Amino acid sequence: MQIRDLIPWGNNKGSEIAKRDEDNPVFLLQRDVNRIFEDFWKRFDQPFSGLARASDGPKADMVETESALEVSVELPGIDQKEVDVSLTDNTLIIKGEKRIEHDVSKRGYHLSERAYGSFYRSISLPAGVDTEKAKAEFRNGVLIVTLPKTQNELSRGRKVEVKAN
């Protein structure tokens, strides 16, 4: 057997070899390596999707309005009692633990499932936020923390008029 007989594009039987030799360990290795590379590059198709990890915590959005800073955190399936929100040194800390226990007993079988997981998210806050007047609201699996701006921050900004020449 010559080496070109092993390379599907080196002969006329390329597609036939690939279909026929799905049990071939070399074919299986090539398929697995191709899948690894495809999965790796797929993570970079969308901005920042390949950089986020599950350990980074729940997804959060931060929006600045004229009077406050609003932080929205997605916590699907979490109960309000399982969430702990605290502020220390201009850092918003959101943490909690999710516990799911499911027991079903019917005729002839017993099903018991348990899942536990904790989450932690730390968000640095900019200067000019009044942490003493912070409010948190939990609605439909979304935690919204509103942090009003300080009076100094509110009075510091001013609008600049744009004139045409």
C-alpha atoms as a PDB file:
ATOM      1  CA  MET A   1       0.000   0.000   0.000  1.00  0.00           C
ATOM      2  CA  GLN A   2       1.330   3.406  -0.920  1.00  0.00           C
ATOM      3  CA  ILE A   3       0.886   6.544   1.152  1.00  0.00           C
ATOM      4  CA  ARG A   4      -1.225   8.226  -1.530  1.00  0.00           C
ATOM      5  CA  ASP A   5      -3.795   5.435  -1.121  1.00  0.00           C
ATOM      6  CA  LEU A   6      -4.366   6.698   2.471  1.00  0.00           C
ATOM      7  CA  ILE A   7      -5.022  10.302   1.392  1.00  0.00           C
ATOM      8  CA  PRO A   8      -8.611  10.694   0.158  1.00  0.00           C
ATOM      9  CA  TRP A   9      -7.814  13.593  -2.206  1.00  0.00           C
ATOM     10  CA  GLY A  10      -4.770  11.803  -3.675  1.00  0.00           C
ATOM     11  CA  ASN A  11      -6.792   9.282  -5.657  1.00  0.00           C
ATOM     12  CA  ASN A  12     -10.104   8.913  -7.416  1.00  0.00           C
ATOM     13  CA  LYS A  13     -11.645   6.928  -4.566  1.00  0.00           C
ATOM     14  CA  GLY A  14     -11.555   9.735  -1.970  1.00  0.00           C
ATOM     15  CA  SER A  15     -15.199   9.957  -1.038  1.00  0.00           C
ATOM     16  CA  GLU A  16     -15.606   6.185  -1.179  1.00  0.00           C
ATOM     17  CA  ILE A  17     -12.752   5.692   1.304  1.00  0.00           C
ATOM     18  CA  ALA A  18     -14.216   8.246   3.695  1.00  0.00           C
ATOM     19  CA  LYS A  19     -17.641   6.560   3.597  1.00  0.00           C
ATOM     20  CA  ARG A  20     -16.328   3.016   3.730  1.00  0.00           C
ATOM     21  CA  ASP A  21     -13.724   3.475   6.499  1.00  0.00           C
ATOM     22  CA  GLU A  22     -15.761   5.071   9.276  1.00  0.00           C
ATOM     23  CA  ASP A  23     -14.427   2.367  11.591  1.00  0.00           C
ATOM     24  CA  ASN A  24     -10.846   3.219  10.645  1.00  0.00           C
ATOM     25  CA  PRO A  25      -9.034   4.712  13.689  1.00  0.00           C
ATOM     26  CA  VAL A  26      -7.179   7.229  11.496  1.00  0.00           C
ATOM     27  CA  PHE A  27     -10.473   8.457  10.053  1.00  0.00           C
ATOM     28  CA  LEU A  28     -11.991   8.705  13.548  1.00  0.00           C
ATOM     29  CA  LEU A  29      -8.956  10.618  14.836  1.00  0.00           C
ATOM     30  CA  GLN A  30      -9.106  13.058  11.925  1.00  0.00           C
ATOM     31  CA  ARG A  31     -12.834  13.604  12.475  1.00  0.00           C
ATOM     32  CA  ASP A  32     -12.321  14.273  16.200  1.00  0.00           C
ATOM     33  CA  VAL A  33      -9.443  16.701  15.605  1.00  0.00           C
ATOM     34  CA  ASN A  34     -11.504  18.543  12.992  1.00  0.00           C
ATOM     35  CA  ARG A  35     -14.396  18.814  15.452  1.00  0.00           C
ATOM     36  CA  ILE A  36     -12.090  20.212  18.146  1.00  0.00           C
ATOM     37  CA  PHE A  37     -10.780  22.921  15.828  1.00  0.00           C
ATOM     38  CA  GLU A  38     -14.284  23.774  14.569  1.00  0.00           C
ATOM     39  CA  ASP A  39     -15.602  24.104  18.135  1.00  0.00           C
ATOM     40  CA  PHE A  40     -12.619  26.276  19.087  1.00  0.00           C
ATOM     41  CA  TRP A  41     -13.105  28.719  16.201  1.00  0.00           C
ATOM     42  CA  LYS A  42     -16.905  28.838  16.625  1.00  0.00           C
ATOM     43  CA  ARG A  43     -16.379  30.505  19.989  1.00  0.00           C
ATOM     44  CA  PHE A  44     -14.916  33.540  18.232  1.00  0.00           C
ATOM     45  CA  ASP A  45     -17.770  33.971  15.730  1.00  0.00           C
ATOM     46  CA  GLN A  46     -19.607  36.231  18.175  1.00  0.00           C
ATOM     47  CA  PRO A  47     -17.789  39.006  20.066  1.00  0.00           C
ATOM     48  CA  PHE A  48     -16.670  37.973  23.552  1.00  0.00           C
ATOM     49  CA  SER A  49     -18.550  34.660  23.442  1.00  0.00           C
ATOM     50  CA  GLY A  50     -15.321  32.665  23.458  1.00  0.00           C
ATOM     51  CA  LEU A  51     -13.900  34.652  26.341  1.00  0.00           C
ATOM     52  CA  ALA A  52     -16.702  34.135  28.840  1.00  0.00           C
ATOM     53  CA  ARG A  53     -16.583  31.148  31.145  1.00  0.00           C
ATOM     54  CA  ALA A  54     -19.187  29.651  33.392  1.00  0.00           C
ATOM     55  CA  SER A  55     -17.039  30.656  36.387  1.00  0.00           C
ATOM     56  CA  ASP A  56     -17.419  34.327  35.433  1.00  0.00           C
ATOM     57  CA  GLY A  57     -20.817  34.299  37.086  1.00  0.00           C
ATOM     58  CA  PRO A  58     -24.248  35.312  35.865  1.00  0.00           C
ATOM     59  CA  LYS A  59     -24.643  37.691  32.922  1.00  0.00           C
ATOM     60  CA  ALA A  60     -24.961  41.367  33.859  1.00  0.00           C
ATOM     61  CA  ASP A  61     -25.761  44.650  32.093  1.00  0.00           C
ATOM     62  CA  MET A  62     -24.849  48.083  33.406  1.00  0.00           C
ATOM     63  CA  VAL A  63     -26.745  51.163  32.189  1.00  0.00           C
ATOM     64  CA  GLU A  64     -26.044  54.750  33.190  1.00  0.00           C
ATOM     65  CA  THR A  65     -28.959  57.174  33.240  1.00  0.00           C
ATOM     66  CA  GLU A  66     -28.873  60.883  34.116  1.00  0.00           C
ATOM     67  CA  SER A  67     -29.562  60.228  37.787  1.00  0.00           C
ATOM     68  CA  ALA A  68     -28.413  56.673  38.501  1.00  0.00           C
ATOM     69  CA  LEU A  69     -26.477  53.596  37.524  1.00  0.00           C
ATOM     70  CA  GLU A  70     -28.621  50.478  36.953  1.00  0.00           C
ATOM     71  CA  VAL A  71     -27.165  46.979  37.062  1.00  0.00           C
ATOM     72  CA  SER A  72     -29.330  44.125  35.742  1.00  0.00           C
ATOM     73  CA  VAL A  73     -28.283  40.545  36.461  1.00  0.00           C
ATOM     74  CA  GLU A  74     -29.919  37.476  34.914  1.00  0.00           C
ATOM     75  CA  LEU A  75     -30.674  34.816  37.523  1.00  0.00           C
ATOM     76  CA  PRO A  76     -33.104  32.370  35.884  1.00  0.00           C
ATOM     77  CA  GLY A  77     -34.578  29.742  38.169  1.00  0.00           C
ATOM     78  CA  ILE A  78     -33.250  31.451  41.300  1.00  0.00           C
ATOM     79  CA  ASP A  79     -35.546  32.428  44.157  1.00  0.00           C
ATOM     80  CA  GLN A  80     -35.286  35.884  45.748  1.00  0.00           C
ATOM     81  CA  LYS A  81     -34.304  34.309  49.092  1.00  0.00           C
ATOM     82  CA  GLU A  82     -31.265  32.635  47.491  1.00  0.00           C
ATOM     83  CA  VAL A  83     -29.689  35.950  46.374  1.00  0.00           C
ATOM     84  CA  ASP A  84     -27.329  38.040  48.516  1.00  0.00           C
ATOM     85  CA  VAL A  85     -26.458  41.588  47.388  1.00  0.00           C
ATOM     86  CA  SER A  86     -23.792  43.658  49.145  1.00  0.00           C
ATOM     87  CA  LEU A  87     -21.714  46.788  48.514  1.00  0.00           C
ATOM     88  CA  THR A  88     -18.142  47.174  49.733  1.00  0.00           C
ATOM     89  CA  ASP A  89     -15.468  49.659  48.640  1.00  0.00           C
ATOM     90  CA  ASN A  90     -17.237  50.704  45.402  1.00  0.00           C
ATOM     91  CA  THR A  91     -17.803  47.051  44.477  1.00  0.00           C
ATOM     92  CA  LEU A  92     -21.191  45.440  43.974  1.00  0.00           C
ATOM     93  CA  ILE A  93     -21.148  41.781  45.048  1.00  0.00           C
ATOM     94  CA  ILE A  94     -23.941  39.422  44.042  1.00  0.00           C
ATOM     95  CA  LYS A  95     -23.818  35.852  45.252  1.00  0.00           C
ATOM     96  CA  GLY A  96     -26.108  32.989  46.030  1.00  0.00           C
ATOM     97  CA  GLU A  97     -26.756  29.311  45.830  1.00  0.00           C
ATOM     98  CA  LYS A  98     -29.304  27.333  43.878  1.00  0.00           C
ATOM     99  CA  ARG A  99     -30.620  24.048  45.217  1.00  0.00           C
ATOM    100  CA  ILE A 100     -33.004  21.863  43.282  1.00  0.00           C
ATOM    101  CA  GLU A 101     -34.405  18.670  44.726  1.00  0.00           C
ATOM    102  CA  HIS A 102     -36.924  16.582  42.826  1.00  0.00           C
ATOM    103  CA  ASP A 103     -38.454  13.366  44.164  1.00  0.00           C
ATOM    104  CA  VAL A 104     -41.093  11.338  42.340  1.00  0.00           C
ATOM    105  CA  SER A 105     -42.537   8.053  43.557  1.00  0.00           C
ATOM    106  CA  LYS A 106     -44.991   6.237  41.341  1.00  0.00           C
ATOM    107  CA  ARG A 107     -45.978   2.665  40.792  1.00  0.00           C
ATOM    108  CA  GLY A 108     -42.880   0.615  40.261  1.00  0.00           C
ATOM    109  CA  TYR A 109     -40.202   3.299  40.385  1.00  0.00           C
ATOM    110  CA  HIS A 110     -38.674   6.068  42.480  1.00  0.00           C
ATOM    111  CA  LEU A 111     -36.885   9.047  40.879  1.00  0.00           C
ATOM    112  CA  SER A 112     -34.703  11.348  42.952  1.00  0.00           C
ATOM    113  CA  GLU A 113     -32.703  14.204  41.422  1.00  0.00           C
ATOM    114  CA  ARG A 114     -30.610  16.844  43.149  1.00  0.00           C
ATOM    115  CA  ALA A 115     -28.635  19.735  41.712  1.00  0.00           C
ATOM    116  CA  TYR A 116     -26.633  22.327  43.614  1.00  0.00           C
ATOM    117  CA  GLY A 117     -24.699  25.293  42.352  1.00  0.00           C
ATOM    118  CA  SER A 118     -23.413  28.576  43.656  1.00  0.00           C
ATOM    119  CA  PHE A 119     -22.736  31.799  41.793  1.00  0.00           C
ATOM    120  CA  TYR A 120     -20.701  34.905  42.512  1.00  0.00           C
ATOM    121  CA  ARG A 121     -20.407  38.131  40.554  1.00  0.00           C
ATOM    122  CA  SER A 122     -18.294  41.128  41.517  1.00  0.00           C
ATOM    123  CA  ILE A 123     -18.770  44.419  39.640  1.00  0.00           C
ATOM    124  CA  SER A 124     -16.533  47.459  40.171  1.00  0.00           C
ATOM    125  CA  LEU A 125     -18.503  50.679  40.398  1.00  0.00           C
ATOM    126  CA  PRO A 126     -17.322  54.058  39.103  1.00  0.00           C
ATOM    127  CA  ALA A 127     -16.746  57.030  41.379  1.00  0.00           C
ATOM    128  CA  GLY A 128     -19.735  59.261  42.019  1.00  0.00           C
ATOM    129  CA  VAL A 129     -22.213  56.543  43.021  1.00  0.00           C
ATOM    130  CA  ASP A 130     -24.097  56.880  46.307  1.00  0.00           C
ATOM    131  CA  THR A 131     -23.926  53.335  47.709  1.00  0.00           C
ATOM    132  CA  GLU A 132     -25.912  54.318  50.824  1.00  0.00           C
ATOM    133  CA  LYS A 133     -29.078  54.867  48.742  1.00  0.00           C
ATOM    134  CA  ALA A 134     -28.821  51.688  46.663  1.00  0.00           C
ATOM    135  CA  LYS A 135     -32.019  49.731  45.964  1.00  0.00           C
ATOM    136  CA  ALA A 136     -32.418  46.166  44.721  1.00  0.00           C
ATOM    137  CA  GLU A 137     -35.475  44.636  43.059  1.00  0.00           C
ATOM    138  CA  PHE A 138     -35.974  41.034  41.940  1.00  0.00           C
ATOM    139  CA  ARG A 139     -38.510  40.426  39.186  1.00  0.00           C
ATOM    140  CA  ASN A 140     -39.024  37.417  36.866  1.00  0.00           C
ATOM    141  CA  GLY A 141     -35.518  36.020  37.358  1.00  0.00           C
ATOM    142  CA  VAL A 142     -33.806  39.397  36.857  1.00  0.00           C
ATOM    143  CA  LEU A 143     -32.128  41.303  39.686  1.00  0.00           C
ATOM    144  CA  ILE A 144     -32.064  45.089  39.157  1.00  0.00           C
ATOM    145  CA  VAL A 145     -29.805  47.128  41.437  1.00  0.00           C
ATOM    146  CA  THR A 146     -30.268  50.902  41.207  1.00  0.00           C
ATOM    147  CA  LEU A 147     -27.404  53.056  42.467  1.00  0.00           C
ATOM    148  CA  PRO A 148     -28.189  56.798  42.482  1.00  0.00           C
ATOM    149  CA  LYS A 149     -25.446  59.265  41.605  1.00  0.00           C
ATOM    150  CA  THR A 150     -24.101  61.597  44.287  1.00  0.00           C
ATOM    151  CA  GLN A 151     -25.050  65.294  44.257  1.00  0.00           C
ATOM    152  CA  ASN A 152     -21.475  66.206  43.279  1.00  0.00           C
ATOM    153  CA  GLU A 153     -21.671  63.905  40.278  1.00  0.00           C
ATOM    154  CA  LEU A 154     -25.086  65.253  39.252  1.00  0.00           C
ATOM    155  CA  SER A 155     -23.984  68.909  39.446  1.00  0.00           C
ATOM    156  CA  ARG A 156     -20.604  68.287  37.800  1.00  0.00           C
ATOM    157  CA  GLY A 157     -21.941  67.504  34.345  1.00  0.00           C
ATOM    158  CA  ARG A 158     -23.296  70.160  32.013  1.00  0.00           C
ATOM    159  CA  LYS A 159     -24.646  70.176  28.496  1.00  0.00           C
ATOM    160  CA  VAL A 160     -22.581  71.812  25.754  1.00  0.00           C
ATOM    161  CA  GLU A 161     -24.440  73.475  22.899  1.00  0.00           C
ATOM    162  CA  VAL A 162     -23.311  72.542  19.401  1.00  0.00           C
ATOM    163  CA  LYS A 163     -23.359  75.425  16.900  1.00  0.00           C
ATOM    164  CA  ALA A 164     -23.300  75.222  13.141  1.00  0.00           C
ATOM    165  CA  ASN A 165     -20.763  77.340  11.178  1.00  0.00           C
END
